[in-house]
PDB file of N, CA and C in Angstrom:
ATOM      1  N   MET A   1     -64.580  56.840 -44.420  1.00  0.00           N
ATOM      2  CA  MET A   1     -65.845  55.907 -44.564  1.00  0.00           C
ATOM      3  C   MET A   1     -66.394  56.619 -45.569  1.00  0.00           C
ATOM      4  N   SER A   2     -66.904  55.411 -46.072  1.00  0.00           N
ATOM      5  CA  SER A   2     -68.836  54.962 -46.428  1.00  0.00           C
ATOM      6  C   SER A   2     -69.604  54.226 -46.612  1.00  0.00           C
ATOM      7  N   SER A   3     -71.028  55.118 -47.913  1.00  0.00           N
ATOM      8  CA  SER A   3     -72.117  53.686 -47.549  1.00  0.00           C
ATOM      9  C   SER A   3     -72.787  53.550 -48.785  1.00  0.00           C
ATOM     10  N   THR A   4     -73.550  52.640 -48.329  1.00  0.00           N
ATOM     11  CA  THR A   4     -73.824  52.026 -48.989  1.00  0.00           C
ATOM     12  C   THR A   4     -75.557  52.278 -49.792  1.00  0.00           C
ATOM     13  N   TYR A   5     -75.629  52.361 -50.589  1.00  0.00           N
ATOM     14  CA  TYR A   5     -77.511  52.315 -51.975  1.00  0.00           C
ATOM     15  C   TYR A   5     -76.899  51.537 -52.413  1.00  0.00           C
ATOM     16  N   THR A   6     -77.544  51.509 -52.466  1.00  0.00           N
ATOM     17  CA  THR A   6     -78.472  50.735 -54.385  1.00  0.00           C
ATOM     18  C   THR A   6     -77.476  52.122 -55.764  1.00  0.00           C
ATOM     19  N   LEU A   7     -77.620  51.781 -56.300  1.00  0.00           N
ATOM     20  CA  LEU A   7     -77.328  52.682 -57.954  1.00  0.00           C
ATOM     21  C   LEU A   7     -78.386  53.002 -57.980  1.00  0.00           C
ATOM     22  N   ASP A   8     -79.412  52.881 -58.075  1.00  0.00           N
ATOM     23  CA  ASP A   8     -80.635  54.236 -58.220  1.00  0.00           C
ATOM     24  C   ASP A   8     -80.893  55.289 -57.326  1.00  0.00           C
ATOM     25  N   GLN A   9     -80.331  55.095 -56.049  1.00  0.00           N
ATOM     26  CA  GLN A   9     -80.057  56.528 -55.080  1.00  0.00           C
ATOM     27  C   GLN A   9     -78.943  57.305 -55.138  1.00  0.00           C
ATOM     28  N   LEU A  10     -77.467  57.132 -55.571  1.00  0.00           N
ATOM     29  CA  LEU A  10     -76.865  58.167 -56.115  1.00  0.00           C
ATOM     30  C   LEU A  10     -77.913  59.929 -56.825  1.00  0.00           C
ATOM     31  N   LEU A  11     -77.583  60.649 -56.739  1.00  0.00           N
ATOM     32  CA  LEU A  11     -77.838  62.397 -56.944  1.00  0.00           C
ATOM     33  C   LEU A  11     -77.047  62.279 -58.482  1.00  0.00           C
ATOM     34  N   PRO A  12     -77.547  63.451 -59.635  1.00  0.00           N
ATOM     35  CA  PRO A  12     -76.605  63.217 -60.457  1.00  0.00           C
ATOM     36  C   PRO A  12     -74.991  64.021 -60.524  1.00  0.00           C
ATOM     37  N   GLY A  13     -73.978  63.726 -60.201  1.00  0.00           N
ATOM     38  CA  GLY A  13     -73.164  64.548 -59.665  1.00  0.00           C
ATOM     39  C   GLY A  13     -72.056  63.086 -58.798  1.00  0.00           C
ATOM     40  N   GLN A  14     -72.640  61.807 -58.562  1.00  0.00           N
ATOM     41  CA  GLN A  14     -72.317  61.393 -57.253  1.00  0.00           C
ATOM     42  C   GLN A  14     -71.564  59.983 -58.207  1.00  0.00           C
ATOM     43  N   SER A  15     -70.620  59.337 -56.980  1.00  0.00           N
ATOM     44  CA  SER A  15     -70.178  58.216 -58.161  1.00  0.00           C
ATOM     45  C   SER A  15     -70.468  57.273 -56.677  1.00  0.00           C
ATOM     46  N   GLY A  16     -70.353  56.335 -56.869  1.00  0.00           N
ATOM     47  CA  GLY A  16     -69.838  55.095 -56.034  1.00  0.00           C
ATOM     48  C   GLY A  16     -69.196  53.803 -56.848  1.00  0.00           C
ATOM     49  N   ARG A  17     -68.698  52.990 -56.353  1.00  0.00           N
ATOM     50  CA  ARG A  17     -68.198  51.775 -56.375  1.00  0.00           C
ATOM     51  C   ARG A  17     -69.128  50.408 -56.259  1.00  0.00           C
ATOM     52  N   VAL A  18     -69.492  50.116 -57.777  1.00  0.00           N
ATOM     53  CA  VAL A  18     -70.693  48.567 -57.813  1.00  0.00           C
ATOM     54  C   VAL A  18     -69.422  47.387 -56.475  1.00  0.00           C
ATOM     55  N   THR A  19     -70.084  47.180 -55.716  1.00  0.00           N
ATOM     56  CA  THR A  19     -69.902  46.187 -54.156  1.00  0.00           C
ATOM     57  C   THR A  19     -70.831  44.771 -54.694  1.00  0.00           C
ATOM     58  N   ARG A  20     -71.963  44.943 -55.295  1.00  0.00           N
ATOM     59  CA  ARG A  20     -72.095  44.355 -56.048  1.00  0.00           C
ATOM     60  C   ARG A  20     -73.548  43.938 -56.564  1.00  0.00           C
ATOM     61  N   VAL A  21     -73.761  42.766 -57.527  1.00  0.00           N
ATOM     62  CA  VAL A  21     -75.041  42.757 -58.383  1.00  0.00           C
ATOM     63  C   VAL A  21     -75.975  42.327 -58.898  1.00  0.00           C
ATOM     64  N   GLY A  22     -76.775  42.422 -58.532  1.00  0.00           N
ATOM     65  CA  GLY A  22     -77.921  41.682 -58.023  1.00  0.00           C
ATOM     66  C   GLY A  22     -78.783  40.946 -59.022  1.00  0.00           C
ATOM     67  N   GLY A  23     -80.598  40.418 -58.884  1.00  0.00           N
ATOM     68  CA  GLY A  23     -81.000  40.079 -59.847  1.00  0.00           C
ATOM     69  C   GLY A  23     -80.772  38.620 -60.146  1.00  0.00           C
ATOM     70  N   GLU A  24     -81.177  37.895 -61.154  1.00  0.00           N
ATOM     71  CA  GLU A  24     -81.551  37.332 -61.414  1.00  0.00           C
ATOM     72  C   GLU A  24     -81.714  36.543 -62.529  1.00  0.00           C
ATOM     73  N   GLY A  25     -80.466  35.482 -63.421  1.00  0.00           N
ATOM     74  CA  GLY A  25     -80.366  34.622 -64.284  1.00  0.00           C
ATOM     75  C   GLY A  25     -80.079  35.723 -65.613  1.00  0.00           C
ATOM     76  N   ALA A  26     -81.027  36.053 -66.492  1.00  0.00           N
ATOM     77  CA  ALA A  26     -80.378  36.348 -68.109  1.00  0.00           C
ATOM     78  C   ALA A  26     -79.636  38.313 -67.304  1.00  0.00           C
ATOM     79  N   LEU A  27     -80.737  38.431 -66.963  1.00  0.00           N
ATOM     80  CA  LEU A  27     -80.641  40.263 -66.320  1.00  0.00           C
ATOM     81  C   LEU A  27     -79.511  40.594 -65.208  1.00  0.00           C
ATOM     82  N   ARG A  28     -79.029  40.122 -64.104  1.00  0.00           N
ATOM     83  CA  ARG A  28     -77.916  40.127 -64.318  1.00  0.00           C
ATOM     84  C   ARG A  28     -76.708  39.470 -65.113  1.00  0.00           C
ATOM     85  N   ARG A  29     -76.951  38.472 -65.781  1.00  0.00           N
ATOM     86  CA  ARG A  29     -75.482  38.424 -66.312  1.00  0.00           C
ATOM     87  C   ARG A  29     -75.038  39.121 -67.557  1.00  0.00           C
ATOM     88  N   ARG A  30     -76.553  40.035 -68.058  1.00  0.00           N
ATOM     89  CA  ARG A  30     -76.536  41.248 -69.080  1.00  0.00           C
ATOM     90  C   ARG A  30     -76.114  42.519 -68.757  1.00  0.00           C
ATOM     91  N   LEU A  31     -76.076  43.114 -67.205  1.00  0.00           N
ATOM     92  CA  LEU A  31     -75.232  44.027 -66.092  1.00  0.00           C
ATOM     93  C   LEU A  31     -73.377  43.598 -66.682  1.00  0.00           C
ATOM     94  N   MET A  32     -73.745  42.231 -65.678  1.00  0.00           N
ATOM     95  CA  MET A  32     -72.327  41.998 -65.694  1.00  0.00           C
ATOM     96  C   MET A  32     -71.918  42.202 -67.391  1.00  0.00           C
ATOM     97  N   ASP A  33     -72.616  41.884 -67.658  1.00  0.00           N
ATOM     98  CA  ASP A  33     -71.549  41.735 -69.204  1.00  0.00           C
ATOM     99  C   ASP A  33     -71.534  43.382 -70.079  1.00  0.00           C
ATOM    100  N   MET A  34     -71.947  44.666 -69.375  1.00  0.00           N
ATOM    101  CA  MET A  34     -72.117  45.691 -69.517  1.00  0.00           C
ATOM    102  C   MET A  34     -71.195  46.343 -68.946  1.00  0.00           C
ATOM    103  N   GLY A  35     -70.217  45.573 -68.272  1.00  0.00           N
ATOM    104  CA  GLY A  35     -69.595  46.439 -67.323  1.00  0.00           C
ATOM    105  C   GLY A  35     -69.844  46.237 -66.168  1.00  0.00           C
ATOM    106  N   LEU A  36     -70.651  46.075 -65.758  1.00  0.00           N
ATOM    107  CA  LEU A  36     -71.592  46.579 -63.858  1.00  0.00           C
ATOM    108  C   LEU A  36     -70.851  44.586 -63.376  1.00  0.00           C
ATOM    109  N   VAL A  37     -69.672  44.770 -62.661  1.00  0.00           N
ATOM    110  CA  VAL A  37     -69.197  44.087 -61.805  1.00  0.00           C
ATOM    111  C   VAL A  37     -68.560  45.031 -60.632  1.00  0.00           C
ATOM    112  N   ALA A  38     -68.564  44.267 -59.317  1.00  0.00           N
ATOM    113  CA  ALA A  38     -67.651  44.325 -58.234  1.00  0.00           C
ATOM    114  C   ALA A  38     -66.445  44.838 -58.848  1.00  0.00           C
ATOM    115  N   GLY A  39     -66.294  46.939 -57.800  1.00  0.00           N
ATOM    116  CA  GLY A  39     -64.519  46.662 -58.021  1.00  0.00           C
ATOM    117  C   GLY A  39     -64.533  48.852 -59.232  1.00  0.00           C
ATOM    118  N   VAL A  40     -66.522  48.566 -60.158  1.00  0.00           N
ATOM    119  CA  VAL A  40     -66.090  49.919 -61.054  1.00  0.00           C
ATOM    120  C   VAL A  40     -66.386  50.985 -61.253  1.00  0.00           C
ATOM    121  N   ASP A  41     -65.720  51.659 -60.862  1.00  0.00           N
ATOM    122  CA  ASP A  41     -66.584  53.238 -60.499  1.00  0.00           C
ATOM    123  C   ASP A  41     -68.181  53.741 -61.054  1.00  0.00           C
ATOM    124  N   VAL A  42     -69.140  54.029 -60.956  1.00  0.00           N
ATOM    125  CA  VAL A  42     -70.057  53.973 -61.676  1.00  0.00           C
ATOM    126  C   VAL A  42     -70.250  55.127 -61.052  1.00  0.00           C
ATOM    127  N   MET A  43     -69.988  56.422 -62.273  1.00  0.00           N
ATOM    128  CA  MET A  43     -71.071  58.243 -61.246  1.00  0.00           C
ATOM    129  C   MET A  43     -72.716  57.474 -62.554  1.00  0.00           C
ATOM    130  N   LEU A  44     -73.142  59.164 -61.711  1.00  0.00           N
ATOM    131  CA  LEU A  44     -74.334  58.731 -61.870  1.00  0.00           C
ATOM    132  C   LEU A  44     -75.020  60.723 -63.071  1.00  0.00           C
ATOM    133  N   LEU A  45     -75.254  60.602 -64.064  1.00  0.00           N
ATOM    134  CA  LEU A  45     -74.650  61.468 -64.904  1.00  0.00           C
ATOM    135  C   LEU A  45     -76.012  62.650 -65.012  1.00  0.00           C
ATOM    136  N   LYS A  46     -76.948  61.699 -65.515  1.00  0.00           N
ATOM    137  CA  LYS A  46     -78.588  62.314 -65.556  1.00  0.00           C
ATOM    138  C   LYS A  46     -79.497  61.548 -65.263  1.00  0.00           C
ATOM    139  N   ARG A  47     -81.298  62.335 -64.729  1.00  0.00           N
ATOM    140  CA  ARG A  47     -82.051  61.227 -64.413  1.00  0.00           C
ATOM    141  C   ARG A  47     -82.554  62.060 -65.612  1.00  0.00           C
ATOM    142  N   ALA A  48     -83.780  60.538 -65.932  1.00  0.00           N
ATOM    143  CA  ALA A  48     -84.331  61.496 -67.433  1.00  0.00           C
ATOM    144  C   ALA A  48     -86.186  62.026 -66.860  1.00  0.00           C
ATOM    145  N   PRO A  49     -86.661  63.524 -67.487  1.00  0.00           N
ATOM    146  CA  PRO A  49     -87.592  64.284 -66.784  1.00  0.00           C
ATOM    147  C   PRO A  49     -88.770  63.169 -65.868  1.00  0.00           C
ATOM    148  N   LEU A  50     -89.063  62.309 -66.179  1.00  0.00           N
ATOM    149  CA  LEU A  50     -89.549  61.076 -65.184  1.00  0.00           C
ATOM    150  C   LEU A  50     -89.645  60.152 -64.181  1.00  0.00           C
ATOM    151  N   GLY A  51     -88.033  60.533 -64.178  1.00  0.00           N
ATOM    152  CA  GLY A  51     -87.166  59.806 -62.445  1.00  0.00           C
ATOM    153  C   GLY A  51     -86.559  58.235 -64.403  1.00  0.00           C
ATOM    154  N   ASP A  52     -87.283  58.219 -65.368  1.00  0.00           N
ATOM    155  CA  ASP A  52     -86.864  57.029 -65.749  1.00  0.00           C
ATOM    156  C   ASP A  52     -86.564  56.895 -67.449  1.00  0.00           C
ATOM    157  N   PRO A  53     -85.524  56.594 -67.496  1.00  0.00           N
ATOM    158  CA  PRO A  53     -83.867  56.667 -67.164  1.00  0.00           C
ATOM    159  C   PRO A  53     -82.981  56.586 -66.512  1.00  0.00           C
ATOM    160  N   LEU A  54     -81.765  56.021 -66.500  1.00  0.00           N
ATOM    161  CA  LEU A  54     -80.881  57.086 -65.665  1.00  0.00           C
ATOM    162  C   LEU A  54     -79.761  57.310 -66.142  1.00  0.00           C
ATOM    163  N   GLU A  55     -79.213  58.074 -66.758  1.00  0.00           N
ATOM    164  CA  GLU A  55     -77.685  57.806 -67.236  1.00  0.00           C
ATOM    165  C   GLU A  55     -76.546  57.821 -66.786  1.00  0.00           C
ATOM    166  N   TYR A  56     -75.925  56.901 -66.642  1.00  0.00           N
ATOM    167  CA  TYR A  56     -74.444  56.698 -65.355  1.00  0.00           C
ATOM    168  C   TYR A  56     -73.045  56.747 -66.929  1.00  0.00           C
ATOM    169  N   LYS A  57     -71.598  56.706 -66.307  1.00  0.00           N
ATOM    170  CA  LYS A  57     -70.735  56.870 -66.883  1.00  0.00           C
ATOM    171  C   LYS A  57     -69.898  55.939 -66.329  1.00  0.00           C
ATOM    172  N   LEU A  58     -69.166  54.050 -67.052  1.00  0.00           N
ATOM    173  CA  LEU A  58     -68.891  53.418 -66.095  1.00  0.00           C
ATOM    174  C   LEU A  58     -67.280  52.501 -67.624  1.00  0.00           C
ATOM    175  N   ARG A  59     -66.028  52.679 -67.559  1.00  0.00           N
ATOM    176  CA  ARG A  59     -65.070  52.405 -68.096  1.00  0.00           C
ATOM    177  C   ARG A  59     -65.203  53.115 -69.682  1.00  0.00           C
ATOM    178  N   GLY A  60     -65.612  54.482 -69.330  1.00  0.00           N
ATOM    179  CA  GLY A  60     -65.478  55.065 -70.235  1.00  0.00           C
ATOM    180  C   GLY A  60     -66.371  55.400 -71.324  1.00  0.00           C
ATOM    181  N   TYR A  61     -67.753  54.747 -71.467  1.00  0.00           N
ATOM    182  CA  TYR A  61     -69.468  55.322 -71.418  1.00  0.00           C
ATOM    183  C   TYR A  61     -69.779  55.364 -71.415  1.00  0.00           C
ATOM    184  N   HIS A  62     -71.473  55.941 -71.730  1.00  0.00           N
ATOM    185  CA  HIS A  62     -72.577  55.866 -71.264  1.00  0.00           C
ATOM    186  C   HIS A  62     -73.084  54.742 -70.969  1.00  0.00           C
ATOM    187  N   LEU A  63     -74.536  54.594 -69.808  1.00  0.00           N
ATOM    188  CA  LEU A  63     -74.966  53.483 -69.894  1.00  0.00           C
ATOM    189  C   LEU A  63     -76.413  54.219 -69.150  1.00  0.00           C
ATOM    190  N   SER A  64     -77.299  53.777 -70.032  1.00  0.00           N
ATOM    191  CA  SER A  64     -79.028  54.317 -69.303  1.00  0.00           C
ATOM    192  C   SER A  64     -79.434  53.033 -69.024  1.00  0.00           C
ATOM    193  N   LEU A  65     -79.160  52.691 -68.238  1.00  0.00           N
ATOM    194  CA  LEU A  65     -80.794  51.552 -66.991  1.00  0.00           C
ATOM    195  C   LEU A  65     -81.511  51.674 -66.462  1.00  0.00           C
ATOM    196  N   ARG A  66     -82.708  51.431 -66.412  1.00  0.00           N
ATOM    197  CA  ARG A  66     -84.232  51.575 -65.974  1.00  0.00           C
ATOM    198  C   ARG A  66     -84.181  51.713 -64.542  1.00  0.00           C
ATOM    199  N   LYS A  67     -84.370  52.026 -63.267  1.00  0.00           N
ATOM    200  CA  LYS A  67     -84.630  52.110 -62.055  1.00  0.00           C
ATOM    201  C   LYS A  67     -84.586  50.987 -61.872  1.00  0.00           C
ATOM    202  N   SER A  68     -85.650  49.691 -61.526  1.00  0.00           N
ATOM    203  CA  SER A  68     -85.576  48.499 -61.498  1.00  0.00           C
ATOM    204  C   SER A  68     -84.544  47.907 -61.224  1.00  0.00           C
ATOM    205  N   GLU A  69     -83.961  48.406 -62.929  1.00  0.00           N
ATOM    206  CA  GLU A  69     -82.656  47.576 -62.296  1.00  0.00           C
ATOM    207  C   GLU A  69     -81.047  48.321 -61.880  1.00  0.00           C
ATOM    208  N   ALA A  70     -81.968  49.367 -62.589  1.00  0.00           N
ATOM    209  CA  ALA A  70     -80.458  49.841 -61.059  1.00  0.00           C
ATOM    210  C   ALA A  70     -80.969  49.764 -59.544  1.00  0.00           C
ATOM    211  N   GLN A  71     -81.883  49.023 -59.022  1.00  0.00           N
ATOM    212  CA  GLN A  71     -82.435  49.193 -57.698  1.00  0.00           C
ATOM    213  C   GLN A  71     -81.921  47.697 -57.446  1.00  0.00           C
ATOM    214  N   THR A  72     -80.799  47.104 -58.278  1.00  0.00           N
ATOM    215  CA  THR A  72     -80.191  45.235 -58.453  1.00  0.00           C
ATOM    216  C   THR A  72     -78.756  45.508 -57.640  1.00  0.00           C
ATOM    217  N   ILE A  73     -78.286  46.533 -58.013  1.00  0.00           N
ATOM    218  CA  ILE A  73     -76.892  47.275 -58.093  1.00  0.00           C
ATOM    219  C   ILE A  73     -76.597  47.628 -56.561  1.00  0.00           C
ATOM    220  N   GLN A  74     -75.340  47.321 -55.603  1.00  0.00           N
ATOM    221  CA  GLN A  74     -75.248  47.879 -54.421  1.00  0.00           C
ATOM    222  C   GLN A  74     -73.316  48.447 -55.251  1.00  0.00           C
ATOM    223  N   VAL A  75     -73.540  50.077 -54.682  1.00  0.00           N
ATOM    224  CA  VAL A  75     -72.225  50.160 -54.150  1.00  0.00           C
ATOM    225  C   VAL A  75     -72.687  51.147 -53.235  1.00  0.00           C
ATOM    226  N   ASP A  76     -70.762  51.810 -52.813  1.00  0.00           N
ATOM    227  CA  ASP A  76     -70.218  52.018 -52.408  1.00  0.00           C
ATOM    228  C   ASP A  76     -70.387  53.538 -52.360  1.00  0.00           C
ATOM    229  N   LEU A  77     -69.784  54.578 -51.799  1.00  0.00           N
ATOM    230  CA  LEU A  77     -70.438  56.523 -51.727  1.00  0.00           C
ATOM    231  C   LEU A  77     -68.788  56.318 -52.380  1.00  0.00           C
ATOM    232  N   GLN A  78     -68.389  57.754 -53.127  1.00  0.00           N
ATOM    233  CA  GLN A  78     -66.748  57.065 -52.687  1.00  0.00           C
ATOM    234  C   GLN A  78     -66.558  59.341 -52.300  1.00  0.00           C
TER     235      GLN A  78
END
């Protein structure tokens, strides 16, 4: 059984599978170009001291996103 959250709600060390990439226009396209597409496994590695940005591991590389960008991506917890 899995639960749906947004990417910014993951805790460090927690992983999920992307189910939907939101946003509009250039933001959505940029996120998808960086590898955030449905079906990809993503793990939150760490948060900055003030909570922004967030560092994720996906497809063998590390990606930092603003919290506002991470809120547009839905994931199912694994």
